[in-house]
Amino acid sequence: MERLATLAFLSTVPLFAGVREAELAELAGLLRQRNLAAGEVLWHEGGPAVGMVLIVDGRISTVAAATWRPHDRVHKPRPG
């Protein structure tokens, strides 16, 4: 995604509501796009927090390990 498209996207994300355009432009310059395949794991539970994800298109699932079930889907965030 080119920088102007990234800036336009950031301006639609509720988390960044009220952030000045100059600051969003600076943030846009720091971001990098990743394209993920279906089923690809972003992080593992208990692992270090190493970043933040903004979903431009598609969906992800948050799955937590539980002692009573192998996996429990706890959240399905949408773009934004």
N, C-alpha and C. Protein backbone atom coordinates (compact mmCIF):
# COMPACT_ATOMS: atom_id res chain seq x y z
N MET A 1 0.86 -1.17 0.00
CA MET A 1 0.00 0.00 0.00
C MET A 1 0.90 1.23 0.00
N GLU A 2 0.66 2.14 -0.92
CA GLU A 2 1.48 3.34 -0.98
C GLU A 2 1.17 4.25 0.21
N ARG A 3 2.08 5.16 0.47
CA ARG A 3 1.98 6.01 1.66
C ARG A 3 0.68 6.82 1.72
N LEU A 4 0.24 7.39 0.60
CA LEU A 4 -1.01 8.16 0.59
C LEU A 4 -2.21 7.28 0.89
N ALA A 5 -2.21 6.07 0.34
CA ALA A 5 -3.30 5.13 0.62
C ALA A 5 -3.27 4.72 2.09
N THR A 6 -2.07 4.54 2.65
CA THR A 6 -1.94 4.20 4.07
C THR A 6 -2.47 5.34 4.93
N LEU A 7 -2.14 6.56 4.59
CA LEU A 7 -2.61 7.72 5.32
C LEU A 7 -4.13 7.80 5.25
N ALA A 8 -4.71 7.58 4.08
CA ALA A 8 -6.17 7.59 3.94
C ALA A 8 -6.80 6.51 4.81
N PHE A 9 -6.19 5.32 4.82
CA PHE A 9 -6.71 4.23 5.65
C PHE A 9 -6.64 4.60 7.13
N LEU A 10 -5.49 5.11 7.59
CA LEU A 10 -5.34 5.46 9.00
C LEU A 10 -6.38 6.47 9.45
N SER A 11 -6.76 7.37 8.56
CA SER A 11 -7.75 8.38 8.93
C SER A 11 -9.14 7.79 9.15
N THR A 12 -9.36 6.53 8.73
CA THR A 12 -10.65 5.87 8.94
C THR A 12 -10.67 4.98 10.18
N VAL A 13 -9.52 4.77 10.81
CA VAL A 13 -9.42 3.88 11.97
C VAL A 13 -9.85 4.64 13.23
N PRO A 14 -10.89 4.17 13.92
CA PRO A 14 -11.38 4.88 15.10
C PRO A 14 -10.31 5.16 16.16
N LEU A 15 -9.34 4.28 16.31
CA LEU A 15 -8.27 4.48 17.28
C LEU A 15 -7.52 5.78 17.04
N PHE A 16 -7.45 6.22 15.78
CA PHE A 16 -6.70 7.42 15.43
C PHE A 16 -7.59 8.65 15.23
N ALA A 17 -8.85 8.56 15.63
CA ALA A 17 -9.75 9.72 15.52
C ALA A 17 -9.15 10.88 16.32
N GLY A 18 -9.11 12.05 15.73
CA GLY A 18 -8.59 13.22 16.41
C GLY A 18 -7.09 13.41 16.29
N VAL A 19 -6.40 12.46 15.70
CA VAL A 19 -4.95 12.59 15.51
C VAL A 19 -4.71 13.49 14.30
N ARG A 20 -3.82 14.44 14.45
CA ARG A 20 -3.53 15.38 13.35
C ARG A 20 -2.95 14.65 12.14
N GLU A 21 -3.23 15.21 10.96
CA GLU A 21 -2.78 14.60 9.71
C GLU A 21 -1.26 14.45 9.66
N ALA A 22 -0.53 15.44 10.18
CA ALA A 22 0.94 15.37 10.18
C ALA A 22 1.42 14.17 11.00
N GLU A 23 0.76 13.90 12.11
CA GLU A 23 1.15 12.75 12.94
C GLU A 23 0.78 11.44 12.27
N LEU A 24 -0.39 11.41 11.60
CA LEU A 24 -0.77 10.20 10.86
C LEU A 24 0.21 9.95 9.71
N ALA A 25 0.67 11.01 9.07
CA ALA A 25 1.63 10.87 7.98
C ALA A 25 2.94 10.28 8.50
N GLU A 26 3.35 10.72 9.68
CA GLU A 26 4.57 10.18 10.28
C GLU A 26 4.39 8.70 10.59
N LEU A 27 3.24 8.34 11.16
CA LEU A 27 2.94 6.94 11.45
C LEU A 27 2.90 6.12 10.17
N ALA A 28 2.28 6.65 9.12
CA ALA A 28 2.19 5.94 7.85
C ALA A 28 3.57 5.58 7.32
N GLY A 29 4.55 6.44 7.56
CA GLY A 29 5.90 6.17 7.11
C GLY A 29 6.60 5.05 7.88
N LEU A 30 6.06 4.71 9.06
CA LEU A 30 6.67 3.67 9.89
C LEU A 30 6.05 2.30 9.67
N LEU A 31 4.87 2.27 9.08
CA LEU A 31 4.16 1.00 8.92
C LEU A 31 4.68 0.20 7.74
N ARG A 32 4.48 -1.10 7.82
CA ARG A 32 4.80 -1.96 6.70
C ARG A 32 3.64 -2.93 6.49
N GLN A 33 3.37 -3.22 5.25
CA GLN A 33 2.27 -4.10 4.91
C GLN A 33 2.72 -5.55 4.92
N ARG A 34 1.88 -6.41 5.45
CA ARG A 34 2.10 -7.85 5.40
C ARG A 34 0.87 -8.50 4.81
N ASN A 35 1.07 -9.39 3.89
CA ASN A 35 -0.02 -10.19 3.34
C ASN A 35 0.10 -11.58 3.94
N LEU A 36 -0.97 -12.05 4.55
CA LEU A 36 -0.94 -13.33 5.24
C LEU A 36 -1.82 -14.36 4.55
N ALA A 37 -1.38 -15.58 4.58
CA ALA A 37 -2.16 -16.69 4.05
C ALA A 37 -3.18 -17.13 5.09
N ALA A 38 -4.27 -17.73 4.62
CA ALA A 38 -5.27 -18.26 5.53
C ALA A 38 -4.61 -19.24 6.50
N GLY A 39 -4.89 -19.10 7.77
CA GLY A 39 -4.36 -20.00 8.79
C GLY A 39 -2.99 -19.60 9.33
N GLU A 40 -2.37 -18.58 8.77
CA GLU A 40 -1.05 -18.15 9.24
C GLU A 40 -1.16 -17.56 10.65
N VAL A 41 -0.22 -17.89 11.51
CA VAL A 41 -0.23 -17.44 12.91
C VAL A 41 0.57 -16.14 13.04
N LEU A 42 -0.05 -15.13 13.65
CA LEU A 42 0.62 -13.86 13.90
C LEU A 42 1.44 -13.92 15.19
N TRP A 43 0.83 -14.40 16.25
CA TRP A 43 1.48 -14.51 17.55
C TRP A 43 0.99 -15.77 18.24
N HIS A 44 1.74 -16.18 19.23
CA HIS A 44 1.34 -17.30 20.07
C HIS A 44 1.04 -16.78 21.48
N GLU A 45 0.03 -17.33 22.08
CA GLU A 45 -0.36 -16.95 23.44
C GLU A 45 0.84 -17.08 24.38
N GLY A 46 1.07 -16.05 25.18
CA GLY A 46 2.18 -16.07 26.12
C GLY A 46 3.48 -15.56 25.55
N GLY A 47 3.53 -15.35 24.24
CA GLY A 47 4.74 -14.84 23.60
C GLY A 47 4.87 -13.34 23.80
N PRO A 48 6.00 -12.78 23.43
CA PRO A 48 6.21 -11.34 23.61
C PRO A 48 5.34 -10.52 22.67
N ALA A 49 4.92 -9.37 23.13
CA ALA A 49 4.18 -8.43 22.28
C ALA A 49 5.21 -7.69 21.44
N VAL A 50 5.17 -7.90 20.14
CA VAL A 50 6.20 -7.33 19.27
C VAL A 50 5.65 -6.35 18.23
N GLY A 51 4.38 -6.02 18.30
CA GLY A 51 3.84 -5.10 17.33
C GLY A 51 2.35 -4.94 17.46
N MET A 52 1.82 -4.27 16.47
CA MET A 52 0.40 -3.96 16.42
C MET A 52 -0.08 -4.29 15.01
N VAL A 53 -1.30 -4.77 14.88
CA VAL A 53 -1.85 -5.13 13.59
C VAL A 53 -3.05 -4.26 13.29
N LEU A 54 -3.08 -3.69 12.11
CA LEU A 54 -4.25 -2.99 11.59
C LEU A 54 -4.73 -3.79 10.40
N ILE A 55 -5.97 -4.21 10.43
CA ILE A 55 -6.50 -5.05 9.36
C ILE A 55 -7.07 -4.14 8.27
N VAL A 56 -6.49 -4.21 7.09
CA VAL A 56 -6.96 -3.41 5.96
C VAL A 56 -8.08 -4.15 5.24
N ASP A 57 -7.91 -5.45 5.05
CA ASP A 57 -8.89 -6.24 4.32
C ASP A 57 -8.87 -7.65 4.87
N GLY A 58 -10.03 -8.26 5.04
CA GLY A 58 -10.11 -9.62 5.54
C GLY A 58 -10.41 -9.66 7.02
N ARG A 59 -10.18 -10.82 7.61
CA ARG A 59 -10.47 -11.03 9.03
C ARG A 59 -9.40 -11.90 9.66
N ILE A 60 -9.27 -11.78 10.97
CA ILE A 60 -8.43 -12.69 11.72
C ILE A 60 -9.25 -13.25 12.87
N SER A 61 -8.80 -14.35 13.42
CA SER A 61 -9.44 -14.95 14.58
C SER A 61 -8.44 -14.96 15.72
N THR A 62 -8.96 -14.70 16.91
CA THR A 62 -8.15 -14.82 18.11
C THR A 62 -8.54 -16.12 18.78
N VAL A 63 -7.57 -17.00 18.96
CA VAL A 63 -7.83 -18.31 19.52
C VAL A 63 -6.98 -18.47 20.78
N ALA A 64 -7.62 -18.89 21.87
CA ALA A 64 -6.91 -19.07 23.13
C ALA A 64 -6.90 -20.55 23.50
N ALA A 65 -5.77 -21.02 23.97
CA ALA A 65 -5.68 -22.40 24.45
C ALA A 65 -6.39 -22.48 25.79
N ALA A 66 -7.07 -23.56 26.04
CA ALA A 66 -7.78 -23.75 27.30
C ALA A 66 -7.56 -25.18 27.78
N THR A 67 -7.59 -25.36 29.07
CA THR A 67 -7.35 -26.70 29.61
C THR A 67 -8.52 -27.63 29.35
N TRP A 68 -9.72 -27.09 29.19
CA TRP A 68 -10.88 -27.93 28.98
C TRP A 68 -11.17 -28.21 27.51
N ARG A 69 -10.60 -27.41 26.61
CA ARG A 69 -10.73 -27.63 25.17
C ARG A 69 -9.40 -27.27 24.52
N PRO A 70 -9.06 -27.91 23.42
CA PRO A 70 -7.77 -27.59 22.78
C PRO A 70 -7.65 -26.13 22.37
N HIS A 71 -8.69 -25.55 21.82
CA HIS A 71 -8.66 -24.15 21.40
C HIS A 71 -10.06 -23.57 21.54
N ASP A 72 -10.12 -22.32 21.90
CA ASP A 72 -11.39 -21.64 22.02
C ASP A 72 -11.30 -20.32 21.28
N ARG A 73 -12.10 -20.14 20.24
CA ARG A 73 -12.10 -18.89 19.48
C ARG A 73 -12.76 -17.84 20.35
N VAL A 74 -12.02 -16.77 20.65
CA VAL A 74 -12.55 -15.77 21.57
C VAL A 74 -12.92 -14.45 20.92
N HIS A 75 -12.45 -14.19 19.70
CA HIS A 75 -12.73 -12.90 19.08
C HIS A 75 -12.43 -12.96 17.59
N LYS A 76 -13.24 -12.28 16.79
CA LYS A 76 -13.01 -12.19 15.35
C LYS A 76 -13.04 -10.73 14.94
N PRO A 77 -11.91 -10.01 15.07
CA PRO A 77 -11.89 -8.59 14.69
C PRO A 77 -12.14 -8.40 13.20
N ARG A 78 -12.68 -7.27 12.87
CA ARG A 78 -12.92 -6.89 11.46
C ARG A 78 -11.94 -5.79 11.08
N PRO A 79 -11.91 -5.43 9.80
CA PRO A 79 -10.98 -4.37 9.37
C PRO A 79 -11.07 -3.10 10.22
N GLY A 80 -9.89 -2.48 10.42
CA GLY A 80 -9.85 -1.22 11.16
C GLY A 80 -8.98 -1.24 12.35
